[in-house]
Amino acid sequence: TDNQCLTTDDSPIKNIPCVLPFKFQGILRHECITETDNDNRYWCSTKVNENLEHDDGIGNWGYCGQSCPPLSTDLLRKIASVHGHPWHSGIK
């Protein structure tokens, strides 16, 4: 599908699907997170165990591409303008 969440070209392992949801620090995550990333970039797990826990082996993660949740605000604005959501009407 077009909206598949893939890791970016500058990820340890590029262009592979994020595993969502994944459990990190004991919390189930349904979207990419910035926790523990030095540059505050969104990342996801690319490998989990049977309990959905992130496998923190080397390279079992990637930076999140544009189609990953949470979607960028620009994209959300475009979607909102297409669907005419009133709560976005004040945003230019």
N, C-alpha and C. Protein backbone atom coordinates (compact mmCIF):
# COMPACT_ATOMS: atom_id res chain seq x y z
N THR A 1 0.84 -1.20 0.00
CA THR A 1 0.00 0.00 0.00
C THR A 1 0.87 1.25 0.00
N ASP A 2 0.30 2.35 -0.41
CA ASP A 2 1.04 3.60 -0.50
C ASP A 2 1.43 4.14 0.87
N ASN A 3 0.59 3.86 1.86
CA ASN A 3 0.84 4.47 3.16
C ASN A 3 1.64 3.57 4.08
N GLN A 4 2.37 2.63 3.52
CA GLN A 4 3.19 1.77 4.35
C GLN A 4 4.30 2.61 4.98
N CYS A 5 4.54 2.37 6.24
CA CYS A 5 5.54 3.13 6.98
C CYS A 5 6.90 2.47 6.81
N LEU A 6 7.78 3.13 6.05
CA LEU A 6 9.11 2.58 5.78
C LEU A 6 10.19 3.43 6.41
N THR A 7 11.33 2.82 6.71
CA THR A 7 12.46 3.57 7.25
C THR A 7 13.13 4.36 6.12
N THR A 8 13.82 5.42 6.50
CA THR A 8 14.42 6.34 5.53
C THR A 8 15.75 5.83 4.99
N ASP A 9 16.23 6.51 3.96
CA ASP A 9 17.49 6.12 3.32
C ASP A 9 18.70 6.26 4.24
N ASP A 10 18.59 7.12 5.26
CA ASP A 10 19.74 7.29 6.15
C ASP A 10 19.59 6.49 7.45
N SER A 11 18.71 5.51 7.43
CA SER A 11 18.53 4.63 8.58
C SER A 11 19.59 3.53 8.56
N PRO A 12 19.82 2.89 9.72
CA PRO A 12 20.74 1.75 9.75
C PRO A 12 20.34 0.67 8.74
N ILE A 13 19.04 0.38 8.67
CA ILE A 13 18.53 -0.52 7.64
C ILE A 13 17.46 0.28 6.91
N LYS A 14 17.68 0.54 5.62
CA LYS A 14 16.78 1.47 4.95
C LYS A 14 15.67 0.79 4.18
N ASN A 15 14.58 1.51 4.05
CA ASN A 15 13.42 1.08 3.25
C ASN A 15 12.85 -0.26 3.67
N ILE A 16 12.78 -0.48 4.97
CA ILE A 16 12.06 -1.66 5.44
C ILE A 16 10.92 -1.20 6.34
N PRO A 17 9.85 -1.98 6.43
CA PRO A 17 8.68 -1.53 7.20
C PRO A 17 8.95 -1.40 8.68
N CYS A 18 8.41 -0.35 9.27
CA CYS A 18 8.41 -0.23 10.73
C CYS A 18 7.48 -1.28 11.30
N VAL A 19 7.83 -1.77 12.48
CA VAL A 19 6.94 -2.69 13.19
C VAL A 19 6.11 -1.86 14.17
N LEU A 20 4.83 -1.74 13.87
CA LEU A 20 3.92 -1.00 14.74
C LEU A 20 2.72 -1.88 15.09
N PRO A 21 2.27 -1.89 16.32
CA PRO A 21 2.91 -1.20 17.44
C PRO A 21 4.15 -1.95 17.93
N PHE A 22 5.00 -1.25 18.68
CA PHE A 22 6.13 -1.89 19.34
C PHE A 22 6.20 -1.37 20.77
N LYS A 23 6.78 -2.19 21.63
CA LYS A 23 6.86 -1.81 23.04
C LYS A 23 8.28 -1.31 23.30
N PHE A 24 8.35 -0.11 23.90
CA PHE A 24 9.65 0.48 24.21
C PHE A 24 9.57 1.09 25.60
N GLN A 25 10.56 0.77 26.43
CA GLN A 25 10.57 1.23 27.82
C GLN A 25 9.26 0.87 28.53
N GLY A 26 8.74 -0.30 28.19
CA GLY A 26 7.55 -0.81 28.86
C GLY A 26 6.23 -0.23 28.39
N ILE A 27 6.28 0.63 27.38
CA ILE A 27 5.05 1.27 26.88
C ILE A 27 4.81 0.84 25.44
N LEU A 28 3.55 0.50 25.14
CA LEU A 28 3.21 0.11 23.77
C LEU A 28 3.06 1.37 22.91
N ARG A 29 3.84 1.44 21.84
CA ARG A 29 3.83 2.63 20.96
C ARG A 29 3.12 2.29 19.67
N HIS A 30 2.19 3.15 19.28
CA HIS A 30 1.46 2.94 18.04
C HIS A 30 1.94 3.85 16.93
N GLU A 31 2.98 4.61 17.22
CA GLU A 31 3.54 5.51 16.21
C GLU A 31 5.02 5.68 16.48
N CYS A 32 5.70 6.35 15.58
CA CYS A 32 7.12 6.59 15.74
C CYS A 32 7.37 7.50 16.93
N ILE A 33 8.52 7.35 17.55
CA ILE A 33 8.83 8.13 18.75
C ILE A 33 10.19 8.81 18.60
N THR A 34 10.39 9.85 19.41
CA THR A 34 11.67 10.57 19.39
C THR A 34 12.52 10.24 20.60
N GLU A 35 11.97 9.51 21.56
CA GLU A 35 12.71 9.21 22.78
C GLU A 35 14.05 8.55 22.49
N THR A 36 15.04 8.96 23.24
CA THR A 36 16.41 8.45 23.18
C THR A 36 17.15 8.79 21.88
N ASP A 37 16.53 9.54 20.98
CA ASP A 37 17.26 9.92 19.78
C ASP A 37 17.96 11.26 20.01
N ASN A 38 19.25 11.31 19.74
CA ASN A 38 20.04 12.51 20.02
C ASN A 38 19.59 13.72 19.22
N ASP A 39 19.06 13.48 18.02
CA ASP A 39 18.64 14.59 17.16
C ASP A 39 17.14 14.84 17.22
N ASN A 40 16.48 14.15 18.14
CA ASN A 40 15.03 14.32 18.29
C ASN A 40 14.27 13.95 17.03
N ARG A 41 14.79 12.98 16.30
CA ARG A 41 14.12 12.51 15.09
C ARG A 41 13.22 11.33 15.44
N TYR A 42 12.15 11.20 14.67
CA TYR A 42 11.24 10.07 14.88
C TYR A 42 11.87 8.78 14.39
N TRP A 43 11.72 7.74 15.17
CA TRP A 43 12.25 6.43 14.78
C TRP A 43 11.25 5.36 15.17
N CYS A 44 11.46 4.16 14.63
CA CYS A 44 10.60 3.03 14.94
C CYS A 44 11.44 1.78 15.07
N SER A 45 10.84 0.77 15.64
CA SER A 45 11.49 -0.53 15.71
C SER A 45 11.28 -1.27 14.40
N THR A 46 12.28 -2.03 14.00
CA THR A 46 12.11 -2.87 12.81
C THR A 46 12.13 -4.35 13.18
N LYS A 47 12.26 -4.63 14.48
CA LYS A 47 12.24 -6.02 14.94
C LYS A 47 11.76 -6.07 16.37
N VAL A 48 10.76 -6.91 16.63
CA VAL A 48 10.25 -7.07 17.99
C VAL A 48 10.23 -8.55 18.37
N ASN A 49 10.16 -8.81 19.67
CA ASN A 49 10.06 -10.19 20.10
C ASN A 49 8.59 -10.59 20.21
N GLU A 50 8.34 -11.76 20.77
CA GLU A 50 6.95 -12.25 20.80
C GLU A 50 6.06 -11.42 21.71
N ASN A 51 6.65 -10.60 22.57
CA ASN A 51 5.87 -9.71 23.43
C ASN A 51 5.77 -8.30 22.85
N LEU A 52 6.12 -8.15 21.58
CA LEU A 52 6.11 -6.87 20.87
C LEU A 52 7.18 -5.91 21.38
N GLU A 53 8.10 -6.39 22.22
CA GLU A 53 9.13 -5.51 22.74
C GLU A 53 10.21 -5.29 21.70
N HIS A 54 10.65 -4.04 21.60
CA HIS A 54 11.70 -3.67 20.65
C HIS A 54 12.96 -4.48 20.92
N ASP A 55 13.49 -5.10 19.88
CA ASP A 55 14.75 -5.84 19.98
C ASP A 55 15.86 -4.81 19.83
N ASP A 56 16.55 -4.50 20.94
CA ASP A 56 17.52 -3.42 20.86
C ASP A 56 18.89 -3.87 20.38
N GLY A 57 18.90 -4.94 19.61
CA GLY A 57 20.13 -5.33 18.95
C GLY A 57 20.54 -4.25 17.95
N ILE A 58 21.79 -4.27 17.54
CA ILE A 58 22.29 -3.22 16.65
C ILE A 58 21.54 -3.23 15.32
N GLY A 59 21.04 -2.06 14.95
CA GLY A 59 20.41 -1.92 13.65
C GLY A 59 18.95 -2.30 13.57
N ASN A 60 18.33 -2.69 14.67
CA ASN A 60 16.92 -3.10 14.63
C ASN A 60 15.96 -1.92 14.80
N TRP A 61 16.28 -0.83 14.12
CA TRP A 61 15.45 0.37 14.19
C TRP A 61 15.74 1.18 12.94
N GLY A 62 14.91 2.18 12.70
CA GLY A 62 15.15 3.06 11.58
C GLY A 62 14.43 4.37 11.78
N TYR A 63 14.91 5.41 11.10
CA TYR A 63 14.19 6.69 11.11
C TYR A 63 12.93 6.54 10.29
N CYS A 64 11.88 7.21 10.72
CA CYS A 64 10.58 7.04 10.09
C CYS A 64 10.42 7.90 8.84
N GLY A 65 9.90 7.29 7.80
CA GLY A 65 9.62 8.02 6.56
C GLY A 65 8.37 8.87 6.69
N GLN A 66 8.04 9.58 5.62
CA GLN A 66 6.96 10.56 5.64
C GLN A 66 5.58 9.95 5.84
N SER A 67 5.43 8.68 5.46
CA SER A 67 4.09 8.09 5.56
C SER A 67 3.83 7.45 6.92
N CYS A 68 4.77 7.64 7.86
CA CYS A 68 4.63 7.02 9.17
C CYS A 68 3.85 7.89 10.14
N PRO A 69 3.14 7.25 11.07
CA PRO A 69 2.52 8.04 12.13
C PRO A 69 3.58 8.41 13.18
N PRO A 70 3.53 9.55 13.85
CA PRO A 70 2.55 10.60 13.59
C PRO A 70 2.87 11.32 12.29
N LEU A 71 1.85 11.59 11.49
CA LEU A 71 2.07 12.27 10.22
C LEU A 71 2.47 13.71 10.47
N SER A 72 3.27 14.25 9.57
CA SER A 72 3.71 15.63 9.74
C SER A 72 2.51 16.58 9.67
N THR A 73 2.62 17.71 10.32
CA THR A 73 1.50 18.66 10.35
C THR A 73 1.17 19.16 8.95
N ASP A 74 2.18 19.31 8.12
CA ASP A 74 1.92 19.75 6.74
C ASP A 74 1.00 18.77 6.03
N LEU A 75 1.30 17.50 6.20
CA LEU A 75 0.49 16.47 5.56
C LEU A 75 -0.92 16.49 6.13
N LEU A 76 -1.03 16.64 7.44
CA LEU A 76 -2.34 16.68 8.06
C LEU A 76 -3.15 17.88 7.57
N ARG A 77 -2.45 18.99 7.37
CA ARG A 77 -3.14 20.17 6.85
C ARG A 77 -3.67 19.92 5.46
N LYS A 78 -2.85 19.27 4.63
CA LYS A 78 -3.29 18.96 3.26
C LYS A 78 -4.52 18.06 3.29
N ILE A 79 -4.45 17.04 4.12
CA ILE A 79 -5.58 16.11 4.23
C ILE A 79 -6.82 16.88 4.71
N ALA A 80 -6.62 17.75 5.71
CA ALA A 80 -7.73 18.51 6.27
C ALA A 80 -8.34 19.44 5.22
N SER A 81 -7.48 20.07 4.43
CA SER A 81 -8.01 21.00 3.43
C SER A 81 -8.79 20.26 2.35
N VAL A 82 -8.36 19.05 2.04
CA VAL A 82 -9.08 18.24 1.06
C VAL A 82 -10.45 17.86 1.60
N HIS A 83 -10.48 17.47 2.87
CA HIS A 83 -11.74 17.02 3.46
C HIS A 83 -12.53 18.16 4.10
N GLY A 84 -11.92 19.34 4.16
CA GLY A 84 -12.63 20.51 4.67
C GLY A 84 -12.94 20.45 6.15
N HIS A 85 -12.02 19.93 6.96
CA HIS A 85 -12.26 19.92 8.40
C HIS A 85 -12.29 21.34 8.94
N PRO A 86 -13.34 21.72 9.63
CA PRO A 86 -13.47 23.11 10.11
C PRO A 86 -12.40 23.48 11.12
N TRP A 87 -11.90 22.52 11.88
CA TRP A 87 -10.93 22.86 12.92
C TRP A 87 -9.59 23.26 12.34
N HIS A 88 -9.40 23.12 11.05
CA HIS A 88 -8.16 23.55 10.43
C HIS A 88 -8.34 24.84 9.63
N SER A 89 -9.55 25.40 9.65
CA SER A 89 -9.83 26.52 8.76
C SER A 89 -9.00 27.75 9.08
N GLY A 90 -8.54 27.89 10.32
CA GLY A 90 -7.76 29.06 10.68
C GLY A 90 -6.29 28.95 10.32
N ILE A 91 -5.86 27.81 9.86
CA ILE A 91 -4.44 27.60 9.58
C ILE A 91 -4.15 27.97 8.13
N LYS A 92 -3.14 28.79 7.95
CA LYS A 92 -2.75 29.19 6.59
C LYS A 92 -1.62 28.31 6.10
